[in-house]
Amino acid sequence: MDKAAFYASVRNGILGPKLEQNEVDGCEAILTAMQGTPVAHCAYALATAYHETARTMQPVREAYWLSEAWRRRNLRYWPWYGRGYVQLTWDFNYRKADAEAAEAGLIKPGELMTNADLAMRLDMSAFIMRRGMVEGWFVPKHTLARHLPARLGTPAQFTAARRIINGTDKAASIASYAMEFQEALVAGGWA
């Protein structure tokens, strides 16, 4: 991939005009995690992260603008509240992510269960997003392969893909982000 062409495209578009280092670091983590996937799949992962992280491309905590005390009082699944690019929630999802990440060699078995904040690490967050979107962890039966083609996606396909993460919430906006990221990936020669 020609990363200079990719970054020139996002700098002139969705992440521009000034590209911050944290945006590059976030994109790099996602590009690494999404290697080997079709253009549309990678574009949708980038768009999802862009939306879910308030455009920072950095993993966030659920209700990041509020305190941990607020999360403890108000989230029934505390301490297993949303973290990362796609807001991993609930203890059973953390257990699944722990097992998969340990099998992939990212962590030791049980490590995520004893330190849920590991889901905030760039590589872990990107890994969780990819595996969850590919395997339907977040909404059963809704996967990248179900909603997106093996090459370029359309706005309608990207809109439908929102079901993978969060129903139809902000689906049209995220589809437009995906189209911009897809254009940048094509410019960079993503294969």
Protein backbone atom coordinates (compact mmCIF):
# COMPACT_ATOMS: atom_id res chain seq x y z
CA MET A 1 0.00 0.00 0.00
CA ASP A 2 1.14 3.53 -0.79
CA LYS A 3 0.53 5.08 2.62
CA ALA A 4 1.68 8.52 1.45
CA ALA A 5 -1.17 8.51 -1.10
CA PHE A 6 -3.64 7.28 1.51
CA TYR A 7 -2.65 9.97 4.00
CA ALA A 8 -2.62 12.67 1.32
CA SER A 9 -6.21 11.72 0.51
CA VAL A 10 -7.44 11.76 4.12
CA ARG A 11 -5.50 14.98 4.78
CA ASN A 12 -7.33 16.60 1.85
CA GLY A 13 -10.63 15.17 3.05
CA ILE A 14 -12.03 13.53 6.16
CA LEU A 15 -9.04 14.05 8.50
CA GLY A 16 -7.75 17.30 7.09
CA PRO A 17 -6.43 19.74 6.59
CA LYS A 18 -3.99 19.11 9.45
CA LEU A 19 -3.37 15.47 10.22
CA GLU A 20 -2.59 14.93 13.92
CA GLN A 21 -0.19 12.20 15.10
CA ASN A 22 -2.95 10.52 17.13
CA GLU A 23 -5.05 10.27 13.95
CA VAL A 24 -2.14 8.66 12.10
CA ASP A 25 -1.49 6.26 15.00
CA GLY A 26 -5.17 5.26 15.08
CA CYS A 27 -5.30 4.77 11.32
CA GLU A 28 -2.11 2.71 11.43
CA ALA A 29 -3.54 0.40 14.09
CA ILE A 30 -6.69 -0.13 12.04
CA LEU A 31 -4.85 -0.57 8.75
CA THR A 32 -2.62 -3.18 10.40
CA ALA A 33 -5.56 -5.03 11.95
CA MET A 34 -7.55 -4.95 8.70
CA GLN A 35 -4.76 -6.26 6.46
CA GLY A 36 -6.05 -8.84 4.03
CA THR A 37 -9.62 -7.57 4.05
CA PRO A 38 -11.45 -6.05 1.07
CA VAL A 39 -11.33 -2.29 0.53
CA ALA A 40 -14.96 -1.84 1.62
CA HIS A 41 -14.37 -3.72 4.87
CA CYS A 42 -11.33 -1.65 5.82
CA ALA A 43 -13.12 1.57 4.85
CA TYR A 44 -16.04 0.66 7.06
CA ALA A 45 -13.76 -0.13 10.01
CA LEU A 46 -12.04 3.25 9.62
CA ALA A 47 -15.41 5.02 9.34
CA THR A 48 -16.77 3.23 12.39
CA ALA A 49 -13.73 4.17 14.46
CA TYR A 50 -13.95 7.75 13.21
CA HIS A 51 -17.57 8.00 14.33
CA GLU A 52 -17.37 6.04 17.59
CA THR A 53 -14.31 7.94 18.83
CA ALA A 54 -15.63 11.46 18.16
CA ARG A 55 -13.32 11.70 15.14
CA THR A 56 -10.13 11.21 17.18
CA MET A 57 -9.20 7.77 15.78
CA GLN A 58 -8.25 6.88 19.36
CA PRO A 59 -10.04 4.29 21.51
CA VAL A 60 -12.45 5.87 24.00
CA ARG A 61 -14.42 4.92 27.09
CA GLU A 62 -18.18 4.85 27.01
CA ALA A 63 -19.49 8.30 28.03
CA TYR A 64 -15.87 9.52 27.97
CA TRP A 65 -17.03 13.03 28.85
CA LEU A 66 -18.33 11.76 32.22
CA SER A 67 -16.49 10.36 35.24
CA GLU A 68 -15.75 6.81 36.29
CA ALA A 69 -17.99 7.43 39.30
CA TRP A 70 -20.84 8.25 36.91
CA ARG A 71 -20.20 5.05 34.93
CA ARG A 72 -20.18 3.02 38.15
CA ARG A 73 -23.52 4.49 39.27
CA ASN A 74 -25.30 4.46 35.90
CA LEU A 75 -24.09 1.56 33.77
CA ARG A 76 -25.58 -1.75 34.82
CA TYR A 77 -22.71 -3.62 33.17
CA TRP A 78 -19.98 -1.70 35.04
CA PRO A 79 -17.02 -2.44 35.13
CA TRP A 80 -17.51 -4.05 31.71
CA TYR A 81 -18.61 -0.81 30.07
CA GLY A 82 -17.73 0.23 26.54
CA ARG A 83 -14.10 0.69 25.68
CA GLY A 84 -12.21 0.91 22.43
CA TYR A 85 -13.12 1.69 18.86
CA VAL A 86 -16.45 -0.14 19.00
CA GLN A 87 -17.30 0.08 22.68
CA LEU A 88 -16.86 -3.52 23.80
CA THR A 89 -19.42 -4.10 26.59
CA TRP A 90 -20.57 -6.80 29.02
CA ASP A 91 -18.42 -9.39 30.77
CA PHE A 92 -19.18 -12.18 28.27
CA ASN A 93 -17.87 -10.04 25.41
CA TYR A 94 -14.74 -9.18 27.38
CA ARG A 95 -14.23 -12.92 28.04
CA LYS A 96 -14.57 -13.68 24.32
CA ALA A 97 -12.18 -10.87 23.39
CA ASP A 98 -9.74 -12.05 26.06
CA ALA A 99 -9.70 -15.60 24.70
CA GLU A 100 -9.35 -14.48 21.07
CA ALA A 101 -6.63 -11.91 21.82
CA ALA A 102 -4.71 -14.43 23.93
CA GLU A 103 -4.92 -17.00 21.13
CA ALA A 104 -3.58 -14.35 18.72
CA GLY A 105 -0.70 -13.61 21.11
CA LEU A 106 -1.70 -10.02 21.91
CA ILE A 107 -2.15 -10.70 25.63
CA LYS A 108 -1.78 -13.51 28.14
CA PRO A 109 -4.92 -15.55 28.89
CA GLY A 110 -7.08 -13.75 31.45
CA GLU A 111 -5.22 -10.47 31.13
CA LEU A 112 -8.15 -8.49 29.70
CA MET A 113 -10.42 -9.86 32.42
CA THR A 114 -8.12 -8.51 35.11
CA ASN A 115 -7.45 -5.23 33.29
CA ALA A 116 -10.40 -4.19 31.13
CA ASP A 117 -8.51 -1.04 30.15
CA LEU A 118 -6.36 -3.15 27.83
CA ALA A 119 -9.28 -2.77 25.39
CA MET A 120 -8.11 0.85 25.09
CA ARG A 121 -4.73 -0.16 23.67
CA LEU A 122 -4.59 0.66 19.95
CA ASP A 123 -3.69 -2.84 18.77
CA MET A 124 -6.24 -4.50 21.06
CA SER A 125 -8.98 -2.08 20.12
CA ALA A 126 -8.36 -2.60 16.40
CA PHE A 127 -8.14 -6.38 16.86
CA ILE A 128 -11.45 -6.45 18.76
CA MET A 129 -13.12 -4.31 16.11
CA ARG A 130 -11.95 -6.51 13.24
CA ARG A 131 -12.79 -9.83 14.87
CA GLY A 132 -16.12 -8.56 16.14
CA MET A 133 -17.14 -7.16 12.76
CA VAL A 134 -15.94 -10.22 10.85
CA GLU A 135 -17.45 -12.78 13.24
CA GLY A 136 -20.65 -10.99 14.33
CA TRP A 137 -19.75 -10.51 18.00
CA PHE A 138 -21.73 -7.31 18.46
CA VAL A 139 -24.98 -8.16 16.70
CA PRO A 140 -25.27 -11.85 15.82
CA LYS A 141 -25.51 -12.62 12.11
CA HIS A 142 -24.45 -9.08 11.16
CA THR A 143 -20.96 -9.22 9.72
CA LEU A 144 -18.83 -7.34 7.21
CA ALA A 145 -19.24 -10.16 4.70
CA ARG A 146 -23.03 -10.08 5.04
CA HIS A 147 -23.32 -6.36 4.37
CA LEU A 148 -20.34 -5.43 2.21
CA PRO A 149 -18.91 -6.74 -1.06
CA ALA A 150 -15.45 -8.15 -1.60
CA ARG A 151 -14.32 -4.96 -3.36
CA LEU A 152 -15.91 -1.48 -3.30
CA GLY A 153 -18.95 -0.60 -1.23
CA THR A 154 -21.80 1.70 -2.15
CA PRO A 155 -23.47 4.26 0.14
CA ALA A 156 -26.46 1.93 0.51
CA GLN A 157 -24.24 -1.01 1.50
CA PHE A 158 -22.29 1.09 4.00
CA THR A 159 -25.57 2.35 5.45
CA ALA A 160 -26.82 -1.22 5.94
CA ALA A 161 -23.49 -2.21 7.50
CA ARG A 162 -24.24 -0.05 10.54
CA ARG A 163 -26.30 -2.97 11.83
CA ILE A 164 -22.99 -4.71 12.62
CA ILE A 165 -22.37 -2.28 15.48
CA ASN A 166 -25.40 -0.24 16.46
CA GLY A 167 -28.65 -0.75 14.58
CA THR A 168 -29.22 2.20 12.28
CA ASP A 169 -27.95 4.99 14.56
CA LYS A 170 -26.16 7.60 12.40
CA ALA A 171 -25.95 5.06 9.56
CA ALA A 172 -26.03 7.61 6.74
CA SER A 173 -23.28 9.73 8.30
CA ILE A 174 -21.05 6.72 8.82
CA ALA A 175 -21.72 5.59 5.25
CA SER A 176 -20.47 8.95 3.99
CA TYR A 177 -17.32 8.60 6.12
CA ALA A 178 -16.80 5.10 4.72
CA MET A 179 -17.02 6.44 1.17
CA GLU A 180 -14.27 8.97 1.95
CA PHE A 181 -12.04 6.36 3.59
CA GLN A 182 -12.69 3.99 0.70
CA GLU A 183 -11.55 6.66 -1.75
CA ALA A 184 -8.36 7.16 0.28
CA LEU A 185 -7.71 3.41 0.43
CA VAL A 186 -8.15 3.13 -3.34
CA ALA A 187 -5.77 6.09 -3.81
CA GLY A 188 -3.28 4.20 -1.64
CA GLY A 189 -3.67 0.98 -3.63
CA TRP A 190 -5.29 -1.11 -0.86
CA ALA A 191 -5.56 -4.59 -2.27
